[in-house]
């Protein structure tokens, strides 16, 4: 094998539990199956298990909800989508999602990143940015952005 060749093609799929994230997992699993690739499913949260409160918070559940449960449920769901199609390993990180995704991809020697795309209006995209856009511009490998099917 040549020095520049890798033994395994690696596909990274960051997940957040949304329909577009599910579509990205399906796409990555089908791609991995045809290429005999390894899938790394990654969940990134701003907070870790240590921040899970035992008492109710005044903040909305989407902000203050238990990170541990959400992380486990999201990763189990993604693994369930990929099971039977391609082998996947699940991982979690804490931090700013785009930065953690890019760091993980670099550390693991990722060959392709497959992400779901959330539909944001121009105002939200300008104010808070888009994780997929930041990854697309910062990645050292190809990035595929997958949209969820429109419900008809």
Foldseek 3Di string as FASTA:
>chain_A
DDPPDDPAAEEEQEAQQDLLSLVLLLVVLQVCLVVVHEYEYEYEEQDDQVQQDPDDDPDDCVPRNRPVVSQVVGQVVSCVSNPPRHHYDYYYYHNDLLVVSQVVCVVVVHAEYEYEDDDDPPVCCVPPNGSLVSNCVRHPHYYHYGYRDDDD
